[in-house]
PDB file of N, CA and C in Angstrom:
ATOM      1  N   MET A   1     106.889 105.333  60.253  1.00  0.00           N
ATOM      2  CA  MET A   1     106.266 104.363  61.966  1.00  0.00           C
ATOM      3  C   MET A   1     104.866 103.596  61.072  1.00  0.00           C
ATOM      4  N   ARG A   2     105.053 102.554  62.007  1.00  0.00           N
ATOM      5  CA  ARG A   2     104.519 101.064  61.921  1.00  0.00           C
ATOM      6  C   ARG A   2     103.219 101.916  62.974  1.00  0.00           C
ATOM      7  N   GLY A   3     102.171 100.556  62.207  1.00  0.00           N
ATOM      8  CA  GLY A   3     100.393 101.103  62.888  1.00  0.00           C
ATOM      9  C   GLY A   3     100.597  99.709  63.900  1.00  0.00           C
ATOM     10  N   GLY A   4      99.810  99.408  64.907  1.00  0.00           N
ATOM     11  CA  GLY A   4      99.937  98.290  65.948  1.00  0.00           C
ATOM     12  C   GLY A   4      98.123  98.291  66.099  1.00  0.00           C
ATOM     13  N   SER A   5      98.175  96.824  67.028  1.00  0.00           N
ATOM     14  CA  SER A   5      96.883  96.854  67.566  1.00  0.00           C
ATOM     15  C   SER A   5      96.742  97.991  69.053  1.00  0.00           C
ATOM     16  N   GLY A   6      97.540  98.979  69.455  1.00  0.00           N
ATOM     17  CA  GLY A   6      97.118  99.448  70.336  1.00  0.00           C
ATOM     18  C   GLY A   6      97.689  98.378  71.800  1.00  0.00           C
ATOM     19  N   ASN A   7      97.610  97.265  72.058  1.00  0.00           N
ATOM     20  CA  ASN A   7      97.053  96.223  72.503  1.00  0.00           C
ATOM     21  C   ASN A   7      98.891  96.253  73.685  1.00  0.00           C
ATOM     22  N   ARG A   8      99.041  96.358  74.894  1.00  0.00           N
ATOM     23  CA  ARG A   8     100.276  96.333  74.654  1.00  0.00           C
ATOM     24  C   ARG A   8     100.609  95.927  75.799  1.00  0.00           C
ATOM     25  N   THR A   9     101.568  95.012  75.831  1.00  0.00           N
ATOM     26  CA  THR A   9     101.453  93.828  77.188  1.00  0.00           C
ATOM     27  C   THR A   9     102.920  93.454  78.053  1.00  0.00           C
ATOM     28  N   ASN A  10     103.449  93.423  78.947  1.00  0.00           N
ATOM     29  CA  ASN A  10     104.597  92.724  79.697  1.00  0.00           C
ATOM     30  C   ASN A  10     105.533  91.678  79.226  1.00  0.00           C
ATOM     31  N   PRO A  11     106.475  91.880  78.084  1.00  0.00           N
ATOM     32  CA  PRO A  11     107.189  90.853  77.846  1.00  0.00           C
ATOM     33  C   PRO A  11     107.957  89.992  79.416  1.00  0.00           C
ATOM     34  N   ASN A  12     107.461  90.790  80.574  1.00  0.00           N
ATOM     35  CA  ASN A  12     108.350  89.420  81.247  1.00  0.00           C
ATOM     36  C   ASN A  12     106.995  89.147  82.821  1.00  0.00           C
ATOM     37  N   SER A  13     106.102  89.574  81.644  1.00  0.00           N
ATOM     38  CA  SER A  13     105.152  88.914  82.567  1.00  0.00           C
ATOM     39  C   SER A  13     104.559  87.322  82.239  1.00  0.00           C
ATOM     40  N   ARG A  14     103.417  86.805  83.322  1.00  0.00           N
ATOM     41  CA  ARG A  14     103.352  85.099  83.056  1.00  0.00           C
ATOM     42  C   ARG A  14     101.398  85.428  82.877  1.00  0.00           C
ATOM     43  N   GLY A  15     101.033  86.252  82.496  1.00  0.00           N
ATOM     44  CA  GLY A  15      99.933  86.385  82.464  1.00  0.00           C
ATOM     45  C   GLY A  15      99.216  86.533  83.492  1.00  0.00           C
ATOM     46  N   VAL A  16      99.729  87.490  84.331  1.00  0.00           N
ATOM     47  CA  VAL A  16      98.717  87.230  85.052  1.00  0.00           C
ATOM     48  C   VAL A  16      97.815  88.762  85.238  1.00  0.00           C
ATOM     49  N   SER A  17      97.354  88.517  86.295  1.00  0.00           N
ATOM     50  CA  SER A  17      95.579  89.862  85.770  1.00  0.00           C
ATOM     51  C   SER A  17      95.122  90.656  86.507  1.00  0.00           C
ATOM     52  N   ASP A  18      94.848  91.354  86.711  1.00  0.00           N
ATOM     53  CA  ASP A  18      93.962  92.445  87.810  1.00  0.00           C
ATOM     54  C   ASP A  18      93.219  91.957  88.279  1.00  0.00           C
ATOM     55  N   SER A  19      91.951  91.600  87.694  1.00  0.00           N
ATOM     56  CA  SER A  19      91.279  90.642  86.933  1.00  0.00           C
ATOM     57  C   SER A  19      90.683  89.265  87.384  1.00  0.00           C
ATOM     58  N   GLY A  20      89.738  88.899  87.818  1.00  0.00           N
ATOM     59  CA  GLY A  20      88.886  87.268  88.036  1.00  0.00           C
ATOM     60  C   GLY A  20      88.752  87.709  88.688  1.00  0.00           C
ATOM     61  N   PRO A  21      88.287  86.218  89.241  1.00  0.00           N
ATOM     62  CA  PRO A  21      87.337  85.469  90.531  1.00  0.00           C
ATOM     63  C   PRO A  21      88.823  85.563  91.820  1.00  0.00           C
ATOM     64  N   ARG A  22      90.166  86.041  91.368  1.00  0.00           N
ATOM     65  CA  ARG A  22      91.057  85.649  92.583  1.00  0.00           C
ATOM     66  C   ARG A  22      91.097  87.343  93.118  1.00  0.00           C
ATOM     67  N   ASN A  23      90.914  88.275  92.319  1.00  0.00           N
ATOM     68  CA  ASN A  23      90.457  89.495  93.071  1.00  0.00           C
ATOM     69  C   ASN A  23      89.346  90.046  92.976  1.00  0.00           C
ATOM     70  N   ASP A  24      88.060  88.759  93.454  1.00  0.00           N
ATOM     71  CA  ASP A  24      86.362  89.525  93.877  1.00  0.00           C
ATOM     72  C   ASP A  24      86.592  89.121  94.956  1.00  0.00           C
ATOM     73  N   VAL A  25      86.898  90.726  95.794  1.00  0.00           N
ATOM     74  CA  VAL A  25      86.260  89.934  96.770  1.00  0.00           C
ATOM     75  C   VAL A  25      85.288  89.928  97.667  1.00  0.00           C
ATOM     76  N   ALA A  26      83.969  90.606  96.852  1.00  0.00           N
ATOM     77  CA  ALA A  26      82.511  89.075  97.068  1.00  0.00           C
ATOM     78  C   ALA A  26      82.694  88.799  96.991  1.00  0.00           C
ATOM     79  N   GLY A  27      83.464  87.199  96.216  1.00  0.00           N
ATOM     80  CA  GLY A  27      83.306  85.961  96.271  1.00  0.00           C
ATOM     81  C   GLY A  27      83.269  85.533  97.418  1.00  0.00           C
ATOM     82  N   THR A  28      83.314  84.236  97.619  1.00  0.00           N
ATOM     83  CA  THR A  28      82.410  83.324  98.782  1.00  0.00           C
ATOM     84  C   THR A  28      83.767  82.954  99.265  1.00  0.00           C
ATOM     85  N   SER A  29      84.588  83.357  99.237  1.00  0.00           N
ATOM     86  CA  SER A  29      85.506  82.849 100.411  1.00  0.00           C
ATOM     87  C   SER A  29      85.218  83.741 101.736  1.00  0.00           C
ATOM     88  N   ASP A  30      85.845  82.883 102.678  1.00  0.00           N
ATOM     89  CA  ASP A  30      85.611  83.424 104.270  1.00  0.00           C
ATOM     90  C   ASP A  30      86.420  83.660 104.349  1.00  0.00           C
ATOM     91  N   TYR A  31      88.094  83.852 103.860  1.00  0.00           N
ATOM     92  CA  TYR A  31      88.917  84.581 104.113  1.00  0.00           C
ATOM     93  C   TYR A  31      89.404  86.123 105.226  1.00  0.00           C
ATOM     94  N   LEU A  32      88.421  86.951 103.900  1.00  0.00           N
ATOM     95  CA  LEU A  32      88.644  87.987 105.085  1.00  0.00           C
ATOM     96  C   LEU A  32      87.884  87.882 106.415  1.00  0.00           C
ATOM     97  N   ASN A  33      86.766  86.806 106.817  1.00  0.00           N
ATOM     98  CA  ASN A  33      86.284  86.806 108.025  1.00  0.00           C
ATOM     99  C   ASN A  33      86.971  86.505 108.916  1.00  0.00           C
ATOM    100  N   LEU A  34      87.741  85.381 109.015  1.00  0.00           N
ATOM    101  CA  LEU A  34      89.050  85.281 109.866  1.00  0.00           C
ATOM    102  C   LEU A  34      89.995  85.840 110.700  1.00  0.00           C
ATOM    103  N   PRO A  35      90.303  85.654 111.796  1.00  0.00           N
ATOM    104  CA  PRO A  35      91.081  86.552 112.267  1.00  0.00           C
ATOM    105  C   PRO A  35      92.143  86.906 111.826  1.00  0.00           C
ATOM    106  N   ALA A  36      93.100  87.915 112.794  1.00  0.00           N
ATOM    107  CA  ALA A  36      93.836  88.189 111.794  1.00  0.00           C
ATOM    108  C   ALA A  36      95.059  87.411 111.884  1.00  0.00           C
ATOM    109  N   ARG A  37      94.883  86.763 113.081  1.00  0.00           N
ATOM    110  CA  ARG A  37      96.110  85.776 113.222  1.00  0.00           C
ATOM    111  C   ARG A  37      95.973  84.276 112.539  1.00  0.00           C
ATOM    112  N   ASP A  38      95.120  84.429 112.400  1.00  0.00           N
ATOM    113  CA  ASP A  38      94.597  82.842 110.628  1.00  0.00           C
ATOM    114  C   ASP A  38      95.106  83.663 109.893  1.00  0.00           C
ATOM    115  N   ARG A  39      94.041  84.341 109.297  1.00  0.00           N
ATOM    116  CA  ARG A  39      94.559  85.044 108.288  1.00  0.00           C
ATOM    117  C   ARG A  39      97.074  85.235 107.993  1.00  0.00           C
ATOM    118  N   ASP A  40      97.380  85.489 108.980  1.00  0.00           N
ATOM    119  CA  ASP A  40      98.687  86.374 109.068  1.00  0.00           C
ATOM    120  C   ASP A  40      99.311  84.718 108.721  1.00  0.00           C
ATOM    121  N   ALA A  41      99.037  83.627 109.725  1.00  0.00           N
ATOM    122  CA  ALA A  41      99.837  81.840 109.629  1.00  0.00           C
ATOM    123  C   ALA A  41      99.456  81.105 108.290  1.00  0.00           C
ATOM    124  N   ILE A  42      97.904  82.310 107.363  1.00  0.00           N
ATOM    125  CA  ILE A  42      98.043  81.088 106.099  1.00  0.00           C
ATOM    126  C   ILE A  42      99.113  81.723 105.100  1.00  0.00           C
ATOM    127  N   ARG A  43      99.213  83.486 105.189  1.00  0.00           N
ATOM    128  CA  ARG A  43     100.091  84.225 104.225  1.00  0.00           C
ATOM    129  C   ARG A  43     101.358  83.382 104.558  1.00  0.00           C
ATOM    130  N   GLN A  44     101.554  83.528 105.476  1.00  0.00           N
ATOM    131  CA  GLN A  44     103.432  83.047 106.025  1.00  0.00           C
ATOM    132  C   GLN A  44     103.745  81.060 105.673  1.00  0.00           C
ATOM    133  N   SER A  45     102.098  80.397 105.815  1.00  0.00           N
ATOM    134  CA  SER A  45     102.269  78.991 105.401  1.00  0.00           C
ATOM    135  C   SER A  45     102.675  79.004 103.539  1.00  0.00           C
ATOM    136  N   ALA A  46     102.171  79.826 103.113  1.00  0.00           N
ATOM    137  CA  ALA A  46     102.292  80.436 101.573  1.00  0.00           C
ATOM    138  C   ALA A  46     103.108  80.640 100.990  1.00  0.00           C
ATOM    139  N   GLN A  47     104.143  81.051 101.966  1.00  0.00           N
ATOM    140  CA  GLN A  47     105.344  81.374 101.633  1.00  0.00           C
ATOM    141  C   GLN A  47     106.673  80.568 101.543  1.00  0.00           C
ATOM    142  N   ASP A  48     105.732  79.812 102.206  1.00  0.00           N
ATOM    143  CA  ASP A  48     106.765  78.222 103.098  1.00  0.00           C
ATOM    144  C   ASP A  48     106.931  76.887 101.553  1.00  0.00           C
ATOM    145  N   ARG A  49     108.513  77.079 101.181  1.00  0.00           N
ATOM    146  CA  ARG A  49     109.322  76.428 100.318  1.00  0.00           C
ATOM    147  C   ARG A  49     108.844  74.666 101.068  1.00  0.00           C
ATOM    148  N   VAL A  50     108.375  74.124 100.005  1.00  0.00           N
ATOM    149  CA  VAL A  50     107.807  72.541  99.657  1.00  0.00           C
ATOM    150  C   VAL A  50     109.266  71.651  99.368  1.00  0.00           C
ATOM    151  N   PRO A  51     109.659  70.300 101.033  1.00  0.00           N
ATOM    152  CA  PRO A  51     110.064  70.073 100.692  1.00  0.00           C
ATOM    153  C   PRO A  51     110.395  69.165  98.645  1.00  0.00           C
ATOM    154  N   GLN A  52     111.789  68.861  98.210  1.00  0.00           N
ATOM    155  CA  GLN A  52     111.305  68.971  97.391  1.00  0.00           C
ATOM    156  C   GLN A  52     111.530  68.204  95.976  1.00  0.00           C
ATOM    157  N   GLU A  53     111.992  66.756  97.422  1.00  0.00           N
ATOM    158  CA  GLU A  53     110.482  65.250  97.132  1.00  0.00           C
ATOM    159  C   GLU A  53     109.617  65.168  97.424  1.00  0.00           C
ATOM    160  N   TYR A  54     108.892  66.358  97.378  1.00  0.00           N
ATOM    161  CA  TYR A  54     107.064  66.363  97.691  1.00  0.00           C
ATOM    162  C   TYR A  54     107.013  66.974  96.177  1.00  0.00           C
ATOM    163  N   ASP A  55     107.276  67.700  96.075  1.00  0.00           N
ATOM    164  CA  ASP A  55     107.276  68.978  95.443  1.00  0.00           C
ATOM    165  C   ASP A  55     106.138  68.415  94.720  1.00  0.00           C
ATOM    166  N   SER A  56     106.236  67.134  93.576  1.00  0.00           N
ATOM    167  CA  SER A  56     104.952  66.890  92.225  1.00  0.00           C
ATOM    168  C   SER A  56     104.137  66.225  93.684  1.00  0.00           C
ATOM    169  N   GLN A  57     103.936  65.443  94.280  1.00  0.00           N
ATOM    170  CA  GLN A  57     102.640  65.268  94.863  1.00  0.00           C
ATOM    171  C   GLN A  57     102.051  66.519  95.511  1.00  0.00           C
ATOM    172  N   VAL A  58     102.503  67.362  96.203  1.00  0.00           N
ATOM    173  CA  VAL A  58     102.279  68.973  96.339  1.00  0.00           C
ATOM    174  C   VAL A  58     101.299  68.970  94.832  1.00  0.00           C
ATOM    175  N   GLU A  59     102.337  70.087  93.792  1.00  0.00           N
ATOM    176  CA  GLU A  59     101.680  70.165  93.050  1.00  0.00           C
ATOM    177  C   GLU A  59     100.106  69.176  92.353  1.00  0.00           C
ATOM    178  N   GLN A  60     100.024  68.342  92.162  1.00  0.00           N
ATOM    179  CA  GLN A  60      99.347  67.085  91.908  1.00  0.00           C
ATOM    180  C   GLN A  60      97.988  67.671  93.217  1.00  0.00           C
ATOM    181  N   TYR A  61      98.567  67.103  94.438  1.00  0.00           N
ATOM    182  CA  TYR A  61      97.286  67.789  94.830  1.00  0.00           C
ATOM    183  C   TYR A  61      96.569  69.218  95.506  1.00  0.00           C
ATOM    184  N   LEU A  62      97.140  70.169  94.569  1.00  0.00           N
ATOM    185  CA  LEU A  62      97.106  71.117  94.643  1.00  0.00           C
ATOM    186  C   LEU A  62      96.060  71.116  93.440  1.00  0.00           C
ATOM    187  N   ARG A  63      96.604  70.122  92.762  1.00  0.00           N
ATOM    188  CA  ARG A  63      95.285  70.494  91.296  1.00  0.00           C
ATOM    189  C   ARG A  63      94.107  69.970  91.782  1.00  0.00           C
ATOM    190  N   ASN A  64      93.834  68.636  92.010  1.00  0.00           N
ATOM    191  CA  ASN A  64      92.837  68.439  92.448  1.00  0.00           C
ATOM    192  C   ASN A  64      91.903  69.050  93.158  1.00  0.00           C
ATOM    193  N   LEU A  65      92.645  69.960  93.705  1.00  0.00           N
ATOM    194  CA  LEU A  65      91.443  70.978  94.769  1.00  0.00           C
ATOM    195  C   LEU A  65      91.054  71.273  93.795  1.00  0.00           C
ATOM    196  N   SER A  66      91.634  71.955  93.098  1.00  0.00           N
ATOM    197  CA  SER A  66      91.498  73.395  91.667  1.00  0.00           C
ATOM    198  C   SER A  66      90.643  72.667  91.186  1.00  0.00           C
ATOM    199  N   ASP A  67      90.158  71.490  90.599  1.00  0.00           N
ATOM    200  CA  ASP A  67      89.865  70.837  89.300  1.00  0.00           C
ATOM    201  C   ASP A  67      87.951  70.877  90.082  1.00  0.00           C
ATOM    202  N   GLU A  68      88.030  70.262  91.556  1.00  0.00           N
ATOM    203  CA  GLU A  68      87.070  69.727  92.780  1.00  0.00           C
ATOM    204  C   GLU A  68      86.556  71.179  92.424  1.00  0.00           C
ATOM    205  N   GLN A  69      86.837  72.408  93.413  1.00  0.00           N
ATOM    206  CA  GLN A  69      86.562  73.588  92.809  1.00  0.00           C
ATOM    207  C   GLN A  69      86.274  74.437  92.263  1.00  0.00           C
ATOM    208  N   GLN A  70      86.025  73.045  90.908  1.00  0.00           N
ATOM    209  CA  GLN A  70      86.073  74.823  89.410  1.00  0.00           C
ATOM    210  C   GLN A  70      84.200  73.369  89.130  1.00  0.00           C
ATOM    211  N   ALA A  71      84.912  71.999  89.232  1.00  0.00           N
ATOM    212  CA  ALA A  71      83.423  71.587  88.910  1.00  0.00           C
ATOM    213  C   ALA A  71      82.512  71.451  90.463  1.00  0.00           C
ATOM    214  N   GLY A  72      82.924  72.286  91.273  1.00  0.00           N
ATOM    215  CA  GLY A  72      81.826  72.507  91.823  1.00  0.00           C
ATOM    216  C   GLY A  72      81.333  73.979  92.178  1.00  0.00           C
ATOM    217  N   ASN A  73      81.440  74.183  91.282  1.00  0.00           N
ATOM    218  CA  ASN A  73      81.054  75.616  90.873  1.00  0.00           C
ATOM    219  C   ASN A  73      79.883  75.809  89.799  1.00  0.00           C
TER     220      ASN A  73
END
């Protein structure tokens, strides 16, 4: 029997965690205050695929938004 650290990791996970600012429902987001119709529209749009020719541009745009948000906090 080999000793170990006791830390188990899922080899199929990509660093996803249940903790952190995205799961902090007491955060500064007003998402929960939106009408159900608007929340549903946001959820649906998040599932939409970006046309492949714009994929890199959209990815860069989202990175820029994230960077601006982090700099503002």
